Amino acid sequence: MRVEKLDSLTAYQNASLFTNLFSKAVQRAKEINRKNGLPNDFVVKGKRFYELPNGEIVTKNPLANESAKQ
Protein backbone atom coordinates (compact mmCIF):
# COMPACT_ATOMS: atom_id res chain seq x y z
CA MET A 1 0.00 0.00 0.00
CA ARG A 2 1.39 3.38 -0.98
CA VAL A 3 0.87 6.32 1.35
CA GLU A 4 0.76 9.79 -0.15
CA LYS A 5 2.33 12.71 1.68
CA LEU A 6 -0.04 15.45 2.74
CA ASP A 7 1.04 18.92 1.61
CA SER A 8 -1.32 20.89 3.79
CA LEU A 9 -1.13 21.61 7.51
CA THR A 10 -4.93 21.62 7.56
CA ALA A 11 -4.99 18.10 6.17
CA TYR A 12 -2.71 16.91 8.99
CA GLN A 13 -4.85 18.69 11.56
CA ASN A 14 -8.01 17.11 10.16
CA ALA A 15 -6.39 13.67 10.09
CA SER A 16 -5.32 14.09 13.71
CA LEU A 17 -8.80 15.25 14.73
CA PHE A 18 -10.54 12.30 13.09
CA THR A 19 -7.99 9.82 14.45
CA ASN A 20 -8.63 11.08 17.97
CA LEU A 21 -12.42 11.01 17.52
CA PHE A 22 -12.42 7.48 16.13
CA SER A 23 -10.05 6.25 18.84
CA LYS A 24 -12.32 7.63 21.56
CA ALA A 25 -15.36 6.06 19.90
CA VAL A 26 -13.67 2.64 19.80
CA GLN A 27 -12.64 2.91 23.47
CA ARG A 28 -16.22 3.85 24.42
CA ALA A 29 -17.61 0.88 22.46
CA LYS A 30 -15.19 -1.45 24.27
CA GLU A 31 -16.35 -0.07 27.64
CA ILE A 32 -19.99 -0.63 26.70
CA ASN A 33 -19.22 -4.22 25.65
CA ARG A 34 -17.49 -4.91 28.97
CA LYS A 35 -20.41 -3.47 30.96
CA ASN A 36 -22.85 -5.63 28.99
CA GLY A 37 -20.76 -8.78 29.39
CA LEU A 38 -19.71 -8.99 25.75
CA PRO A 39 -16.23 -9.88 24.52
CA ASN A 40 -14.09 -7.47 22.49
CA ASP A 41 -12.34 -9.04 19.53
CA PHE A 42 -9.09 -8.05 17.86
CA VAL A 43 -6.63 -9.50 15.36
CA VAL A 44 -2.86 -9.89 15.76
CA LYS A 45 -0.83 -11.21 12.81
CA GLY A 46 -3.97 -12.61 11.21
CA LYS A 47 -5.14 -14.50 14.30
CA ARG A 48 -8.38 -13.49 16.05
CA PHE A 49 -8.46 -13.08 19.83
CA TYR A 50 -11.30 -12.28 22.23
CA GLU A 51 -10.97 -10.23 25.40
CA LEU A 52 -13.56 -11.35 27.91
CA PRO A 53 -15.16 -8.81 30.29
CA ASN A 54 -12.95 -10.14 33.12
CA GLY A 55 -9.81 -9.30 31.09
CA GLU A 56 -8.99 -12.86 30.06
CA ILE A 57 -7.87 -13.28 26.43
CA VAL A 58 -8.96 -16.40 24.55
CA THR A 59 -8.82 -17.62 20.95
CA LYS A 60 -12.18 -19.43 20.93
CA ASN A 61 -15.25 -17.30 20.20
CA PRO A 62 -17.22 -17.29 23.46
CA LEU A 63 -20.44 -16.38 21.62
CA ALA A 64 -20.20 -19.17 19.02
CA ASN A 65 -22.85 -21.32 20.74
CA GLU A 66 -25.13 -18.48 21.89
CA SER A 67 -27.67 -19.11 19.10
CA ALA A 68 -27.84 -22.79 20.02
CA LYS A 69 -28.65 -21.94 23.64
CA GLN A 70 -31.68 -19.82 22.77
PDB file of N, CA and C in Angstrom:
ATOM      1  N   MET A   1       0.848  -1.169   0.000  1.00  0.00           N
ATOM      2  CA  MET A   1       0.000   0.000   0.000  1.00  0.00           C
ATOM      3  C   MET A   1       0.896   1.234   0.000  1.00  0.00           C
ATOM      4  N   ARG A   2       0.614   2.150  -0.868  1.00  0.00           N
ATOM      5  CA  ARG A   2       1.389   3.381  -0.976  1.00  0.00           C
ATOM      6  C   ARG A   2       0.676   4.490  -0.211  1.00  0.00           C
ATOM      7  N   VAL A   3       1.435   5.229   0.575  1.00  0.00           N
ATOM      8  CA  VAL A   3       0.872   6.324   1.353  1.00  0.00           C
ATOM      9  C   VAL A   3       1.359   7.630   0.763  1.00  0.00           C
ATOM     10  N   GLU A   4       0.428   8.477   0.410  1.00  0.00           N
ATOM     11  CA  GLU A   4       0.760   9.789  -0.149  1.00  0.00           C
ATOM     12  C   GLU A   4       1.080  10.765   0.969  1.00  0.00           C
ATOM     13  N   LYS A   5       2.030  11.664   0.718  1.00  0.00           N
ATOM     14  CA  LYS A   5       2.331  12.714   1.676  1.00  0.00           C
ATOM     15  C   LYS A   5       1.259  13.790   1.582  1.00  0.00           C
ATOM     16  N   LEU A   6       0.911  14.346   2.726  1.00  0.00           N
ATOM     17  CA  LEU A   6      -0.041  15.448   2.744  1.00  0.00           C
ATOM     18  C   LEU A   6       0.740  16.758   2.674  1.00  0.00           C
ATOM     19  N   ASP A   7       0.325  17.666   1.796  1.00  0.00           N
ATOM     20  CA  ASP A   7       1.040  18.915   1.612  1.00  0.00           C
ATOM     21  C   ASP A   7       0.469  20.051   2.448  1.00  0.00           C
ATOM     22  N   SER A   8      -0.633  19.816   3.098  1.00  0.00           N
ATOM     23  CA  SER A   8      -1.323  20.891   3.786  1.00  0.00           C
ATOM     24  C   SER A   8      -1.338  20.646   5.296  1.00  0.00           C
ATOM     25  N   LEU A   9      -1.045  21.690   6.059  1.00  0.00           N
ATOM     26  CA  LEU A   9      -1.130  21.606   7.508  1.00  0.00           C
ATOM     27  C   LEU A   9      -2.558  21.303   7.937  1.00  0.00           C
ATOM     28  N   THR A  10      -3.521  21.864   7.245  1.00  0.00           N
ATOM     29  CA  THR A  10      -4.928  21.620   7.556  1.00  0.00           C
ATOM     30  C   THR A  10      -5.273  20.139   7.390  1.00  0.00           C
ATOM     31  N   ALA A  11      -4.724  19.519   6.388  1.00  0.00           N
ATOM     32  CA  ALA A  11      -4.991  18.097   6.165  1.00  0.00           C
ATOM     33  C   ALA A  11      -4.452  17.275   7.336  1.00  0.00           C
ATOM     34  N   TYR A  12      -3.265  17.610   7.823  1.00  0.00           N
ATOM     35  CA  TYR A  12      -2.707  16.911   8.986  1.00  0.00           C
ATOM     36  C   TYR A  12      -3.554  17.153  10.224  1.00  0.00           C
ATOM     37  N   GLN A  13      -4.014  18.368  10.405  1.00  0.00           N
ATOM     38  CA  GLN A  13      -4.853  18.688  11.563  1.00  0.00           C
ATOM     39  C   GLN A  13      -6.166  17.919  11.502  1.00  0.00           C
ATOM     40  N   ASN A  14      -6.760  17.857  10.323  1.00  0.00           N
ATOM     41  CA  ASN A  14      -8.014  17.113  10.163  1.00  0.00           C
ATOM     42  C   ASN A  14      -7.795  15.618  10.404  1.00  0.00           C
ATOM     43  N   ALA A  15      -6.696  15.092   9.881  1.00  0.00           N
ATOM     44  CA  ALA A  15      -6.393  13.669  10.088  1.00  0.00           C
ATOM     45  C   ALA A  15      -6.211  13.379  11.576  1.00  0.00           C
ATOM     46  N   SER A  16      -5.531  14.257  12.273  1.00  0.00           N
ATOM     47  CA  SER A  16      -5.325  14.086  13.712  1.00  0.00           C
ATOM     48  C   SER A  16      -6.652  14.153  14.465  1.00  0.00           C
ATOM     49  N   LEU A  17      -7.494  15.095  14.099  1.00  0.00           N
ATOM     50  CA  LEU A  17      -8.804  15.250  14.734  1.00  0.00           C
ATOM     51  C   LEU A  17      -9.631  13.980  14.574  1.00  0.00           C
ATOM     52  N   PHE A  18      -9.728  13.482  13.328  1.00  0.00           N
ATOM     53  CA  PHE A  18     -10.540  12.297  13.086  1.00  0.00           C
ATOM     54  C   PHE A  18      -9.954  11.059  13.754  1.00  0.00           C
ATOM     55  N   THR A  19      -8.630  10.950  13.774  1.00  0.00           N
ATOM     56  CA  THR A  19      -7.987   9.822  14.451  1.00  0.00           C
ATOM     57  C   THR A  19      -8.344   9.825  15.928  1.00  0.00           C
ATOM     58  N   ASN A  20      -8.286  10.977  16.555  1.00  0.00           N
ATOM     59  CA  ASN A  20      -8.633  11.083  17.970  1.00  0.00           C
ATOM     60  C   ASN A  20     -10.104  10.755  18.215  1.00  0.00           C
ATOM     61  N   LEU A  21     -10.984  11.280  17.371  1.00  0.00           N
ATOM     62  CA  LEU A  21     -12.421  11.012  17.522  1.00  0.00           C
ATOM     63  C   LEU A  21     -12.721   9.522  17.389  1.00  0.00           C
ATOM     64  N   PHE A  22     -12.157   8.891  16.360  1.00  0.00           N
ATOM     65  CA  PHE A  22     -12.416   7.476  16.130  1.00  0.00           C
ATOM     66  C   PHE A  22     -11.837   6.623  17.253  1.00  0.00           C
ATOM     67  N   SER A  23     -10.668   6.997  17.745  1.00  0.00           N
ATOM     68  CA  SER A  23     -10.046   6.254  18.838  1.00  0.00           C
ATOM     69  C   SER A  23     -10.914   6.310  20.093  1.00  0.00           C
ATOM     70  N   LYS A  24     -11.437   7.488  20.398  1.00  0.00           N
ATOM     71  CA  LYS A  24     -12.318   7.628  21.565  1.00  0.00           C
ATOM     72  C   LYS A  24     -13.607   6.837  21.383  1.00  0.00           C
ATOM     73  N   ALA A  25     -14.139   6.813  20.169  1.00  0.00           N
ATOM     74  CA  ALA A  25     -15.364   6.060  19.902  1.00  0.00           C
ATOM     75  C   ALA A  25     -15.132   4.562  20.090  1.00  0.00           C
ATOM     76  N   VAL A  26     -13.987   4.067  19.636  1.00  0.00           N
ATOM     77  CA  VAL A  26     -13.666   2.644  19.801  1.00  0.00           C
ATOM     78  C   VAL A  26     -13.516   2.308  21.279  1.00  0.00           C
ATOM     79  N   GLN A  27     -12.812   3.150  22.034  1.00  0.00           N
ATOM     80  CA  GLN A  27     -12.643   2.905  23.467  1.00  0.00           C
ATOM     81  C   GLN A  27     -13.989   2.889  24.186  1.00  0.00           C
ATOM     82  N   ARG A  28     -14.877   3.793  23.809  1.00  0.00           N
ATOM     83  CA  ARG A  28     -16.221   3.846  24.419  1.00  0.00           C
ATOM     84  C   ARG A  28     -17.007   2.575  24.091  1.00  0.00           C
ATOM     85  N   ALA A  29     -16.915   2.109  22.856  1.00  0.00           N
ATOM     86  CA  ALA A  29     -17.608   0.883  22.461  1.00  0.00           C
ATOM     87  C   ALA A  29     -17.087  -0.310  23.250  1.00  0.00           C
ATOM     88  N   LYS A  30     -15.768  -0.360  23.471  1.00  0.00           N
ATOM     89  CA  LYS A  30     -15.188  -1.449  24.269  1.00  0.00           C
ATOM     90  C   LYS A  30     -15.706  -1.411  25.702  1.00  0.00           C
ATOM     91  N   GLU A  31     -15.819  -0.215  26.277  1.00  0.00           N
ATOM     92  CA  GLU A  31     -16.353  -0.074  27.640  1.00  0.00           C
ATOM     93  C   GLU A  31     -17.792  -0.560  27.715  1.00  0.00           C
ATOM     94  N   ILE A  32     -18.584  -0.207  26.730  1.00  0.00           N
ATOM     95  CA  ILE A  32     -19.992  -0.629  26.701  1.00  0.00           C
ATOM     96  C   ILE A  32     -20.076  -2.151  26.609  1.00  0.00           C
ATOM     97  N   ASN A  33     -19.241  -2.754  25.760  1.00  0.00           N
ATOM     98  CA  ASN A  33     -19.224  -4.216  25.650  1.00  0.00           C
ATOM     99  C   ASN A  33     -18.897  -4.867  26.991  1.00  0.00           C
ATOM    100  N   ARG A  34     -17.873  -4.340  27.669  1.00  0.00           N
ATOM    101  CA  ARG A  34     -17.489  -4.914  28.969  1.00  0.00           C
ATOM    102  C   ARG A  34     -18.642  -4.819  29.966  1.00  0.00           C
ATOM    103  N   LYS A  35     -19.300  -3.660  30.021  1.00  0.00           N
ATOM    104  CA  LYS A  35     -20.413  -3.468  30.957  1.00  0.00           C
ATOM    105  C   LYS A  35     -21.570  -4.402  30.661  1.00  0.00           C
ATOM    106  N   ASN A  36     -21.752  -4.744  29.391  1.00  0.00           N
ATOM    107  CA  ASN A  36     -22.846  -5.628  28.989  1.00  0.00           C
ATOM    108  C   ASN A  36     -22.434  -7.095  28.920  1.00  0.00           C
ATOM    109  N   GLY A  37     -21.216  -7.392  29.359  1.00  0.00           N
ATOM    110  CA  GLY A  37     -20.763  -8.777  29.394  1.00  0.00           C
ATOM    111  C   GLY A  37     -20.406  -9.365  28.048  1.00  0.00           C
ATOM    112  N   LEU A  38     -20.058  -8.524  27.082  1.00  0.00           N
ATOM    113  CA  LEU A  38     -19.713  -8.994  25.746  1.00  0.00           C
ATOM    114  C   LEU A  38     -18.203  -8.952  25.533  1.00  0.00           C
ATOM    115  N   PRO A  39     -17.662  -9.892  24.774  1.00  0.00           N
ATOM    116  CA  PRO A  39     -16.225  -9.878  24.516  1.00  0.00           C
ATOM    117  C   PRO A  39     -15.859  -8.845  23.452  1.00  0.00           C
ATOM    118  N   ASN A  40     -14.642  -8.325  23.538  1.00  0.00           N
ATOM    119  CA  ASN A  40     -14.085  -7.466  22.492  1.00  0.00           C
ATOM    120  C   ASN A  40     -13.127  -8.323  21.680  1.00  0.00           C
ATOM    121  N   ASP A  41     -13.239  -8.242  20.351  1.00  0.00           N
ATOM    122  CA  ASP A  41     -12.341  -9.044  19.529  1.00  0.00           C
ATOM    123  C   ASP A  41     -11.318  -8.151  18.846  1.00  0.00           C
ATOM    124  N   PHE A  42     -10.147  -8.755  18.562  1.00  0.00           N
ATOM    125  CA  PHE A  42      -9.088  -8.047  17.859  1.00  0.00           C
ATOM    126  C   PHE A  42      -8.231  -9.075  17.136  1.00  0.00           C
ATOM    127  N   VAL A  43      -7.448  -8.602  16.184  1.00  0.00           N
ATOM    128  CA  VAL A  43      -6.634  -9.499  15.362  1.00  0.00           C
ATOM    129  C   VAL A  43      -5.166  -9.100  15.492  1.00  0.00           C
ATOM    130  N   VAL A  44      -4.304 -10.096  15.709  1.00  0.00           N
ATOM    131  CA  VAL A  44      -2.860  -9.893  15.757  1.00  0.00           C
ATOM    132  C   VAL A  44      -2.224 -10.889  14.792  1.00  0.00           C
ATOM    133  N   LYS A  45      -1.503 -10.377  13.815  1.00  0.00           N
ATOM    134  CA  LYS A  45      -0.829 -11.212  12.808  1.00  0.00           C
ATOM    135  C   LYS A  45      -1.782 -12.215  12.183  1.00  0.00           C
ATOM    136  N   GLY A  46      -2.991 -11.774  11.881  1.00  0.00           N
ATOM    137  CA  GLY A  46      -3.966 -12.612  11.206  1.00  0.00           C
ATOM    138  C   GLY A  46      -4.729 -13.578  12.093  1.00  0.00           C
ATOM    139  N   LYS A  47      -4.449 -13.590  13.394  1.00  0.00           N
ATOM    140  CA  LYS A  47      -5.140 -14.499  14.300  1.00  0.00           C
ATOM    141  C   LYS A  47      -6.101 -13.703  15.180  1.00  0.00           C
ATOM    142  N   ARG A  48      -7.343 -14.194  15.286  1.00  0.00           N
ATOM    143  CA  ARG A  48      -8.376 -13.489  16.046  1.00  0.00           C
ATOM    144  C   ARG A  48      -8.337 -13.892  17.522  1.00  0.00           C
ATOM    145  N   PHE A  49      -8.430 -12.888  18.389  1.00  0.00           N
ATOM    146  CA  PHE A  49      -8.461 -13.080  19.832  1.00  0.00           C
ATOM    147  C   PHE A  49      -9.705 -12.403  20.386  1.00  0.00           C
ATOM    148  N   TYR A  50     -10.131 -12.851  21.553  1.00  0.00           N
ATOM    149  CA  TYR A  50     -11.303 -12.284  22.225  1.00  0.00           C
ATOM    150  C   TYR A  50     -10.910 -11.908  23.644  1.00  0.00           C
ATOM    151  N   GLU A  51     -11.196 -10.665  24.028  1.00  0.00           N
ATOM    152  CA  GLU A  51     -10.965 -10.230  25.398  1.00  0.00           C
ATOM    153  C   GLU A  51     -12.291 -10.305  26.132  1.00  0.00           C
ATOM    154  N   LEU A  52     -12.345 -11.173  27.125  1.00  0.00           N
ATOM    155  CA  LEU A  52     -13.564 -11.346  27.909  1.00  0.00           C
ATOM    156  C   LEU A  52     -13.723 -10.170  28.871  1.00  0.00           C
ATOM    157  N   PRO A  53     -14.934  -9.933  29.361  1.00  0.00           N
ATOM    158  CA  PRO A  53     -15.158  -8.811  30.287  1.00  0.00           C
ATOM    159  C   PRO A  53     -14.279  -8.849  31.543  1.00  0.00           C
ATOM    160  N   ASN A  54     -13.811 -10.037  31.945  1.00  0.00           N
ATOM    161  CA  ASN A  54     -12.948 -10.136  33.125  1.00  0.00           C
ATOM    162  C   ASN A  54     -11.475  -9.883  32.791  1.00  0.00           C
ATOM    163  N   GLY A  55     -11.166  -9.605  31.510  1.00  0.00           N
ATOM    164  CA  GLY A  55      -9.806  -9.304  31.091  1.00  0.00           C
ATOM    165  C   GLY A  55      -9.058 -10.476  30.497  1.00  0.00           C
ATOM    166  N   GLU A  56      -9.630 -11.663  30.614  1.00  0.00           N
ATOM    167  CA  GLU A  56      -8.990 -12.860  30.063  1.00  0.00           C
ATOM    168  C   GLU A  56      -9.024 -12.804  28.537  1.00  0.00           C
ATOM    169  N   ILE A  57      -7.942 -13.256  27.891  1.00  0.00           N
ATOM    170  CA  ILE A  57      -7.871 -13.277  26.433  1.00  0.00           C
ATOM    171  C   ILE A  57      -7.879 -14.726  25.975  1.00  0.00           C
ATOM    172  N   VAL A  58      -8.809 -15.039  25.057  1.00  0.00           N
ATOM    173  CA  VAL A  58      -8.957 -16.401  24.549  1.00  0.00           C
ATOM    174  C   VAL A  58      -8.986 -16.367  23.025  1.00  0.00           C
ATOM    175  N   THR A  59      -8.780 -17.537  22.406  1.00  0.00           N
ATOM    176  CA  THR A  59      -8.821 -17.625  20.948  1.00  0.00           C
ATOM    177  C   THR A  59     -10.142 -18.195  20.444  1.00  0.00           C
ATOM    178  N   LYS A  60     -10.893 -18.848  21.317  1.00  0.00           N
ATOM    179  CA  LYS A  60     -12.176 -19.426  20.926  1.00  0.00           C
ATOM    180  C   LYS A  60     -13.278 -18.389  21.121  1.00  0.00           C
ATOM    181  N   ASN A  61     -14.157 -18.261  20.138  1.00  0.00           N
ATOM    182  CA  ASN A  61     -15.250 -17.304  20.200  1.00  0.00           C
ATOM    183  C   ASN A  61     -16.224 -17.720  21.303  1.00  0.00           C
ATOM    184  N   PRO A  62     -16.336 -16.913  22.360  1.00  0.00           N
ATOM    185  CA  PRO A  62     -17.225 -17.286  23.464  1.00  0.00           C
ATOM    186  C   PRO A  62     -18.708 -17.176  23.113  1.00  0.00           C
ATOM    187  N   LEU A  63     -19.040 -16.531  22.025  1.00  0.00           N
ATOM    188  CA  LEU A  63     -20.444 -16.382  21.622  1.00  0.00           C
ATOM    189  C   LEU A  63     -20.833 -17.368  20.518  1.00  0.00           C
ATOM    190  N   ALA A  64     -19.955 -18.257  20.139  1.00  0.00           N
ATOM    191  CA  ALA A  64     -20.204 -19.171  19.016  1.00  0.00           C
ATOM    192  C   ALA A  64     -21.442 -20.035  19.239  1.00  0.00           C
ATOM    193  N   ASN A  65     -21.717 -20.440  20.467  1.00  0.00           N
ATOM    194  CA  ASN A  65     -22.848 -21.324  20.738  1.00  0.00           C
ATOM    195  C   ASN A  65     -24.045 -20.587  21.329  1.00  0.00           C
ATOM    196  N   GLU A  66     -24.024 -19.252  21.338  1.00  0.00           N
ATOM    197  CA  GLU A  66     -25.129 -18.476  21.890  1.00  0.00           C
ATOM    198  C   GLU A  66     -26.447 -18.758  21.172  1.00  0.00           C
ATOM    199  N   SER A  67     -26.430 -18.869  19.836  1.00  0.00           N
ATOM    200  CA  SER A  67     -27.674 -19.106  19.102  1.00  0.00           C
ATOM    201  C   SER A  67     -28.237 -20.492  19.413  1.00  0.00           C
ATOM    202  N   ALA A  68     -27.389 -21.447  19.700  1.00  0.00           N
ATOM    203  CA  ALA A  68     -27.843 -22.793  20.021  1.00  0.00           C
ATOM    204  C   ALA A  68     -28.506 -22.857  21.396  1.00  0.00           C
ATOM    205  N   LYS A  69     -28.092 -21.951  22.297  1.00  0.00           N
ATOM    206  CA  LYS A  69     -28.645 -21.939  23.643  1.00  0.00           C
ATOM    207  C   LYS A  69     -30.064 -21.359  23.677  1.00  0.00           C
ATOM    208  N   GLN A  70     -30.369 -20.505  22.725  1.00  0.00           N
ATOM    209  CA  GLN A  70     -31.677 -19.817  22.772  1.00  0.00           C
ATOM    210  C   GLN A  70     -32.753 -20.567  22.071  1.00  0.00           C
TER     211      GLN A  70
END
